[in-house]
């Protein structure tokens, strides 16, 4: 159950970042370029960081927790 909640939170975070990227791209402001670059960087870095964290956790703790739940 905890994995589903965590997955939903991450999905909502990613959707929010995609929406912000679109909004920043359409804005007519002097800060738009910086905001757009930050949003695109976060859209790439957040999933990569989460994937790396997940891989490192599995290497350290093994897959025993996944096997116990199934």
PDB file of N, CA and C in Angstrom:
ATOM      1  N   UNK A   1       0.823  -1.192   0.000  1.00  0.00           N
ATOM      2  CA  UNK A   1       0.000   0.000   0.000  1.00  0.00           C
ATOM      3  C   UNK A   1       0.863   1.250   0.000  1.00  0.00           C
ATOM      4  N   UNK A   2       1.962   1.218   0.702  1.00  0.00           N
ATOM      5  CA  UNK A   2       2.843   2.371   0.777  1.00  0.00           C
ATOM      6  C   UNK A   2       3.481   2.704  -0.558  1.00  0.00           C
ATOM      7  N   UNK A   3       3.776   1.647  -1.346  1.00  0.00           N
ATOM      8  CA  UNK A   3       4.381   1.881  -2.659  1.00  0.00           C
ATOM      9  C   UNK A   3       3.415   2.578  -3.595  1.00  0.00           C
ATOM     10  N   UNK A   4       2.132   2.244  -3.494  1.00  0.00           N
ATOM     11  CA  UNK A   4       1.129   2.879  -4.356  1.00  0.00           C
ATOM     12  C   UNK A   4       0.984   4.361  -4.027  1.00  0.00           C
ATOM     13  N   UNK A   5       0.955   4.682  -2.763  1.00  0.00           N
ATOM     14  CA  UNK A   5       0.841   6.084  -2.350  1.00  0.00           C
ATOM     15  C   UNK A   5       2.069   6.857  -2.802  1.00  0.00           C
ATOM     16  N   UNK A   6       3.245   6.273  -2.605  1.00  0.00           N
ATOM     17  CA  UNK A   6       4.483   6.910  -3.038  1.00  0.00           C
ATOM     18  C   UNK A   6       4.483   7.114  -4.550  1.00  0.00           C
ATOM     19  N   UNK A   7       4.025   6.120  -5.292  1.00  0.00           N
ATOM     20  CA  UNK A   7       3.965   6.228  -6.751  1.00  0.00           C
ATOM     21  C   UNK A   7       2.998   7.325  -7.193  1.00  0.00           C
ATOM     22  N   UNK A   8       1.868   7.426  -6.532  1.00  0.00           N
ATOM     23  CA  UNK A   8       0.911   8.474  -6.870  1.00  0.00           C
ATOM     24  C   UNK A   8       1.467   9.870  -6.580  1.00  0.00           C
ATOM     25  N   UNK A   9       2.177  10.000  -5.490  1.00  0.00           N
ATOM     26  CA  UNK A   9       2.789  11.284  -5.152  1.00  0.00           C
ATOM     27  C   UNK A   9       3.831  11.662  -6.204  1.00  0.00           C
ATOM     28  N   UNK A  10       4.652  10.710  -6.603  1.00  0.00           N
ATOM     29  CA  UNK A  10       5.672  10.971  -7.619  1.00  0.00           C
ATOM     30  C   UNK A  10       5.025  11.309  -8.953  1.00  0.00           C
ATOM     31  N   UNK A  11       3.959  10.587  -9.325  1.00  0.00           N
ATOM     32  CA  UNK A  11       3.256  10.877 -10.586  1.00  0.00           C
ATOM     33  C   UNK A  11       2.668  12.282 -10.563  1.00  0.00           C
ATOM     34  N   UNK A  12       2.074  12.674  -9.442  1.00  0.00           N
ATOM     35  CA  UNK A  12       1.518  14.026  -9.324  1.00  0.00           C
ATOM     36  C   UNK A  12       2.626  15.071  -9.411  1.00  0.00           C
ATOM     37  N   UNK A  13       3.762  14.802  -8.812  1.00  0.00           N
ATOM     38  CA  UNK A  13       4.896  15.716  -8.879  1.00  0.00           C
ATOM     39  C   UNK A  13       5.377  15.887 -10.323  1.00  0.00           C
ATOM     40  N   UNK A  14       5.493  14.787 -11.054  1.00  0.00           N
ATOM     41  CA  UNK A  14       5.938  14.859 -12.445  1.00  0.00           C
ATOM     42  C   UNK A  14       4.927  15.589 -13.321  1.00  0.00           C
ATOM     43  N   UNK A  15       3.648  15.310 -13.137  1.00  0.00           N
ATOM     44  CA  UNK A  15       2.615  16.007 -13.905  1.00  0.00           C
ATOM     45  C   UNK A  15       2.659  17.502 -13.615  1.00  0.00           C
ATOM     46  N   UNK A  16       2.832  17.854 -12.352  1.00  0.00           N
ATOM     47  CA  UNK A  16       2.950  19.263 -11.985  1.00  0.00           C
ATOM     48  C   UNK A  16       4.150  19.928 -12.638  1.00  0.00           C
ATOM     49  N   UNK A  17       5.265  19.209 -12.707  1.00  0.00           N
ATOM     50  CA  UNK A  17       6.450  19.777 -13.358  1.00  0.00           C
ATOM     51  C   UNK A  17       6.215  19.962 -14.852  1.00  0.00           C
ATOM     52  N   UNK A  18       5.523  19.027 -15.499  1.00  0.00           N
ATOM     53  CA  UNK A  18       5.231  19.174 -16.926  1.00  0.00           C
ATOM     54  C   UNK A  18       4.307  20.367 -17.168  1.00  0.00           C
ATOM     55  N   UNK A  19       3.332  20.544 -16.313  1.00  0.00           N
ATOM     56  CA  UNK A  19       2.422  21.691 -16.454  1.00  0.00           C
ATOM     57  C   UNK A  19       3.177  22.999 -16.245  1.00  0.00           C
ATOM     58  N   UNK A  20       4.034  23.033 -15.239  1.00  0.00           N
ATOM     59  CA  UNK A  20       4.837  24.241 -15.003  1.00  0.00           C
ATOM     60  C   UNK A  20       5.768  24.540 -16.174  1.00  0.00           C
ATOM     61  N   UNK A  21       6.327  23.492 -16.777  1.00  0.00           N
ATOM     62  CA  UNK A  21       7.179  23.701 -17.941  1.00  0.00           C
ATOM     63  C   UNK A  21       6.391  24.361 -19.067  1.00  0.00           C
ATOM     64  N   UNK A  22       5.176  23.898 -19.294  1.00  0.00           N
ATOM     65  CA  UNK A  22       4.320  24.491 -20.327  1.00  0.00           C
ATOM     66  C   UNK A  22       3.975  25.940 -19.993  1.00  0.00           C
ATOM     67  N   UNK A  23       3.600  26.198 -18.755  1.00  0.00           N
ATOM     68  CA  UNK A  23       3.235  27.556 -18.338  1.00  0.00           C
ATOM     69  C   UNK A  23       4.429  28.497 -18.469  1.00  0.00           C
ATOM     70  N   UNK A  24       5.604  28.053 -18.019  1.00  0.00           N
ATOM     71  CA  UNK A  24       6.793  28.895 -18.110  1.00  0.00           C
ATOM     72  C   UNK A  24       7.177  29.159 -19.559  1.00  0.00           C
ATOM     73  N   UNK A  25       6.935  28.175 -20.428  1.00  0.00           N
ATOM     74  CA  UNK A  25       7.240  28.360 -21.839  1.00  0.00           C
ATOM     75  C   UNK A  25       6.330  29.375 -22.508  1.00  0.00           C
ATOM     76  N   UNK A  26       5.112  29.533 -22.001  1.00  0.00           N
ATOM     77  CA  UNK A  26       4.147  30.445 -22.607  1.00  0.00           C
ATOM     78  C   UNK A  26       4.152  31.840 -21.991  1.00  0.00           C
ATOM     79  N   UNK A  27       4.833  32.012 -20.869  1.00  0.00           N
ATOM     80  CA  UNK A  27       4.839  33.309 -20.191  1.00  0.00           C
ATOM     81  C   UNK A  27       5.659  34.333 -20.957  1.00  0.00           C
ATOM     82  N   UNK A  28       5.250  35.577 -20.843  1.00  0.00           N
ATOM     83  CA  UNK A  28       5.983  36.685 -21.462  1.00  0.00           C
ATOM     84  C   UNK A  28       6.608  37.520 -20.344  1.00  0.00           C
ATOM     85  N   UNK A  29       7.736  37.062 -19.850  1.00  0.00           N
ATOM     86  CA  UNK A  29       8.407  37.751 -18.750  1.00  0.00           C
ATOM     87  C   UNK A  29       9.913  37.605 -18.944  1.00  0.00           C
ATOM     88  N   UNK A  30      10.662  38.479 -18.324  1.00  0.00           N
ATOM     89  CA  UNK A  30      12.113  38.427 -18.461  1.00  0.00           C
ATOM     90  C   UNK A  30      12.727  37.224 -17.742  1.00  0.00           C
ATOM     91  N   UNK A  31      12.032  36.690 -16.752  1.00  0.00           N
ATOM     92  CA  UNK A  31      12.520  35.531 -16.007  1.00  0.00           C
ATOM     93  C   UNK A  31      12.103  34.210 -16.628  1.00  0.00           C
ATOM     94  N   UNK A  32      11.359  34.257 -17.711  1.00  0.00           N
ATOM     95  CA  UNK A  32      10.797  33.054 -18.304  1.00  0.00           C
ATOM     96  C   UNK A  32      11.866  32.044 -18.701  1.00  0.00           C
ATOM     97  N   UNK A  33      12.926  32.492 -19.290  1.00  0.00           N
ATOM     98  CA  UNK A  33      13.977  31.578 -19.741  1.00  0.00           C
ATOM     99  C   UNK A  33      14.587  30.819 -18.571  1.00  0.00           C
ATOM    100  N   UNK A  34      14.888  31.518 -17.500  1.00  0.00           N
ATOM    101  CA  UNK A  34      15.461  30.852 -16.325  1.00  0.00           C
ATOM    102  C   UNK A  34      14.477  29.867 -15.709  1.00  0.00           C
ATOM    103  N   UNK A  35      13.212  30.247 -15.622  1.00  0.00           N
ATOM    104  CA  UNK A  35      12.207  29.352 -15.057  1.00  0.00           C
ATOM    105  C   UNK A  35      12.006  28.119 -15.938  1.00  0.00           C
ATOM    106  N   UNK A  36      12.003  28.317 -17.242  1.00  0.00           N
ATOM    107  CA  UNK A  36      11.834  27.203 -18.167  1.00  0.00           C
ATOM    108  C   UNK A  36      13.002  26.229 -18.077  1.00  0.00           C
ATOM    109  N   UNK A  37      14.210  26.749 -18.030  1.00  0.00           N
ATOM    110  CA  UNK A  37      15.395  25.890 -17.911  1.00  0.00           C
ATOM    111  C   UNK A  37      15.372  25.117 -16.595  1.00  0.00           C
ATOM    112  N   UNK A  38      15.009  25.769 -15.512  1.00  0.00           N
ATOM    113  CA  UNK A  38      14.930  25.089 -14.212  1.00  0.00           C
ATOM    114  C   UNK A  38      13.858  24.006 -14.223  1.00  0.00           C
ATOM    115  N   UNK A  39      12.740  24.290 -14.858  1.00  0.00           N
ATOM    116  CA  UNK A  39      11.654  23.319 -14.916  1.00  0.00           C
ATOM    117  C   UNK A  39      12.031  22.099 -15.752  1.00  0.00           C
ATOM    118  N   UNK A  40      12.668  22.324 -16.881  1.00  0.00           N
ATOM    119  CA  UNK A  40      13.103  21.203 -17.724  1.00  0.00           C
ATOM    120  C   UNK A  40      14.171  20.384 -17.000  1.00  0.00           C
ATOM    121  N   UNK A  41      15.090  21.040 -16.329  1.00  0.00           N
ATOM    122  CA  UNK A  41      16.120  20.330 -15.575  1.00  0.00           C
ATOM    123  C   UNK A  41      15.503  19.479 -14.469  1.00  0.00           C
ATOM    124  N   UNK A  42      14.526  20.030 -13.752  1.00  0.00           N
ATOM    125  CA  UNK A  42      13.860  19.265 -12.690  1.00  0.00           C
ATOM    126  C   UNK A  42      13.079  18.094 -13.269  1.00  0.00           C
ATOM    127  N   UNK A  43      12.482  18.281 -14.442  1.00  0.00           N
ATOM    128  CA  UNK A  43      11.727  17.212 -15.080  1.00  0.00           C
ATOM    129  C   UNK A  43      12.640  16.045 -15.432  1.00  0.00           C
ATOM    130  N   UNK A  44      13.890  16.320 -15.714  1.00  0.00           N
ATOM    131  CA  UNK A  44      14.842  15.253 -16.039  1.00  0.00           C
ATOM    132  C   UNK A  44      15.518  14.715 -14.785  1.00  0.00           C
ATOM    133  N   UNK A  45      15.944  15.594 -13.895  1.00  0.00           N
ATOM    134  CA  UNK A  45      16.742  15.181 -12.747  1.00  0.00           C
ATOM    135  C   UNK A  45      15.951  14.454 -11.657  1.00  0.00           C
ATOM    136  N   UNK A  46      14.712  14.834 -11.431  1.00  0.00           N
ATOM    137  CA  UNK A  46      13.929  14.194 -10.363  1.00  0.00           C
ATOM    138  C   UNK A  46      13.702  12.707 -10.647  1.00  0.00           C
ATOM    139  N   UNK A  47      13.215  12.314 -11.832  1.00  0.00           N
ATOM    140  CA  UNK A  47      13.048  10.872 -12.077  1.00  0.00           C
ATOM    141  C   UNK A  47      14.374  10.104 -12.075  1.00  0.00           C
ATOM    142  N   UNK A  48      15.428  10.707 -12.608  1.00  0.00           N
ATOM    143  CA  UNK A  48      16.730  10.034 -12.626  1.00  0.00           C
ATOM    144  C   UNK A  48      17.236   9.827 -11.199  1.00  0.00           C
ATOM    145  N   UNK A  49      17.077  10.828 -10.361  1.00  0.00           N
ATOM    146  CA  UNK A  49      17.503  10.725  -8.966  1.00  0.00           C
ATOM    147  C   UNK A  49      16.700   9.664  -8.224  1.00  0.00           C
ATOM    148  N   UNK A  50      15.397   9.638  -8.437  1.00  0.00           N
ATOM    149  CA  UNK A  50      14.565   8.629  -7.781  1.00  0.00           C
ATOM    150  C   UNK A  50      14.917   7.219  -8.250  1.00  0.00           C
ATOM    151  N   UNK A  51      15.198   7.058  -9.536  1.00  0.00           N
ATOM    152  CA  UNK A  51      15.584   5.756 -10.060  1.00  0.00           C
ATOM    153  C   UNK A  51      16.917   5.316  -9.455  1.00  0.00           C
ATOM    154  N   UNK A  52      17.869   6.238  -9.383  1.00  0.00           N
ATOM    155  CA  UNK A  52      19.171   5.910  -8.797  1.00  0.00           C
ATOM    156  C   UNK A  52      19.022   5.531  -7.324  1.00  0.00           C
ATOM    157  N   UNK A  53      18.189   6.264  -6.594  1.00  0.00           N
ATOM    158  CA  UNK A  53      17.949   5.942  -5.181  1.00  0.00           C
ATOM    159  C   UNK A  53      17.354   4.540  -5.043  1.00  0.00           C
ATOM    160  N   UNK A  54      16.408   4.217  -5.903  1.00  0.00           N
ATOM    161  CA  UNK A  54      15.771   2.901  -5.863  1.00  0.00           C
ATOM    162  C   UNK A  54      16.790   1.798  -6.158  1.00  0.00           C
ATOM    163  N   UNK A  55      17.631   1.993  -7.157  1.00  0.00           N
ATOM    164  CA  UNK A  55      18.641   0.981  -7.505  1.00  0.00           C
ATOM    165  C   UNK A  55      19.642   0.785  -6.363  1.00  0.00           C
ATOM    166  N   UNK A  56      20.102   1.883  -5.771  1.00  0.00           N
ATOM    167  CA  UNK A  56      21.065   1.790  -4.676  1.00  0.00           C
ATOM    168  C   UNK A  56      20.430   1.094  -3.476  1.00  0.00           C
ATOM    169  N   UNK A  57      19.170   1.417  -3.184  1.00  0.00           N
ATOM    170  CA  UNK A  57      18.477   0.777  -2.065  1.00  0.00           C
ATOM    171  C   UNK A  57      18.382  -0.730  -2.283  1.00  0.00           C
ATOM    172  N   UNK A  58      18.045  -1.139  -3.499  1.00  0.00           N
ATOM    173  CA  UNK A  58      17.947  -2.579  -3.788  1.00  0.00           C
ATOM    174  C   UNK A  58      19.299  -3.265  -3.716  1.00  0.00           C
ATOM    175  N   UNK A  59      20.365  -2.579  -4.120  1.00  0.00           N
ATOM    176  CA  UNK A  59      21.695  -3.174  -4.021  1.00  0.00           C
ATOM    177  C   UNK A  59      22.118  -3.354  -2.571  1.00  0.00           C
ATOM    178  N   UNK A  60      21.786  -2.385  -1.735  1.00  0.00           N
ATOM    179  CA  UNK A  60      22.183  -2.450  -0.331  1.00  0.00           C
ATOM    180  C   UNK A  60      21.333  -3.458   0.445  1.00  0.00           C
ATOM    181  N   UNK A  61      20.012  -3.405   0.254  1.00  0.00           N
ATOM    182  CA  UNK A  61      19.105  -4.224   1.049  1.00  0.00           C
ATOM    183  C   UNK A  61      18.663  -5.499   0.353  1.00  0.00           C
ATOM    184  N   UNK A  62      18.955  -5.651  -0.897  1.00  0.00           N
ATOM    185  CA  UNK A  62      18.538  -6.843  -1.637  1.00  0.00           C
ATOM    186  C   UNK A  62      17.070  -6.785  -2.004  1.00  0.00           C
ATOM    187  N   UNK A  63      16.609  -7.807  -2.696  1.00  0.00           N
ATOM    188  CA  UNK A  63      15.219  -7.861  -3.153  1.00  0.00           C
ATOM    189  C   UNK A  63      14.318  -8.657  -2.200  1.00  0.00           C
ATOM    190  N   UNK A  64      14.745  -8.875  -0.972  1.00  0.00           N
ATOM    191  CA  UNK A  64      13.972  -9.684  -0.048  1.00  0.00           C
ATOM    192  C   UNK A  64      12.624  -9.069   0.261  1.00  0.00           C
ATOM    193  N   UNK A  65      12.543  -7.764   0.340  1.00  0.00           N
ATOM    194  CA  UNK A  65      11.290  -7.098   0.670  1.00  0.00           C
ATOM    195  C   UNK A  65      10.269  -7.283  -0.462  1.00  0.00           C
ATOM    196  N   UNK A  66      10.699  -7.212  -1.713  1.00  0.00           N
ATOM    197  CA  UNK A  66       9.802  -7.415  -2.845  1.00  0.00           C
ATOM    198  C   UNK A  66       9.289  -8.850  -2.884  1.00  0.00           C
ATOM    199  N   UNK A  67      10.140  -9.813  -2.553  1.00  0.00           N
ATOM    200  CA  UNK A  67       9.724 -11.213  -2.580  1.00  0.00           C
ATOM    201  C   UNK A  67       8.752 -11.536  -1.458  1.00  0.00           C
ATOM    202  N   UNK A  68       8.866 -10.883  -0.314  1.00  0.00           N
ATOM    203  CA  UNK A  68       7.961 -11.147   0.812  1.00  0.00           C
ATOM    204  C   UNK A  68       6.567 -10.639   0.532  1.00  0.00           C
ATOM    205  N   UNK A  69       6.430  -9.523  -0.210  1.00  0.00           N
ATOM    206  CA  UNK A  69       5.116  -8.956  -0.492  1.00  0.00           C
ATOM    207  C   UNK A  69       4.354  -9.779  -1.510  1.00  0.00           C
ATOM    208  N   UNK A  70       5.039 -10.425  -2.449  1.00  0.00           N
ATOM    209  CA  UNK A  70       4.361 -11.216  -3.483  1.00  0.00           C
ATOM    210  C   UNK A  70       4.063 -12.535  -2.930  1.00  0.00           C
TER     211      UNK A  70
END
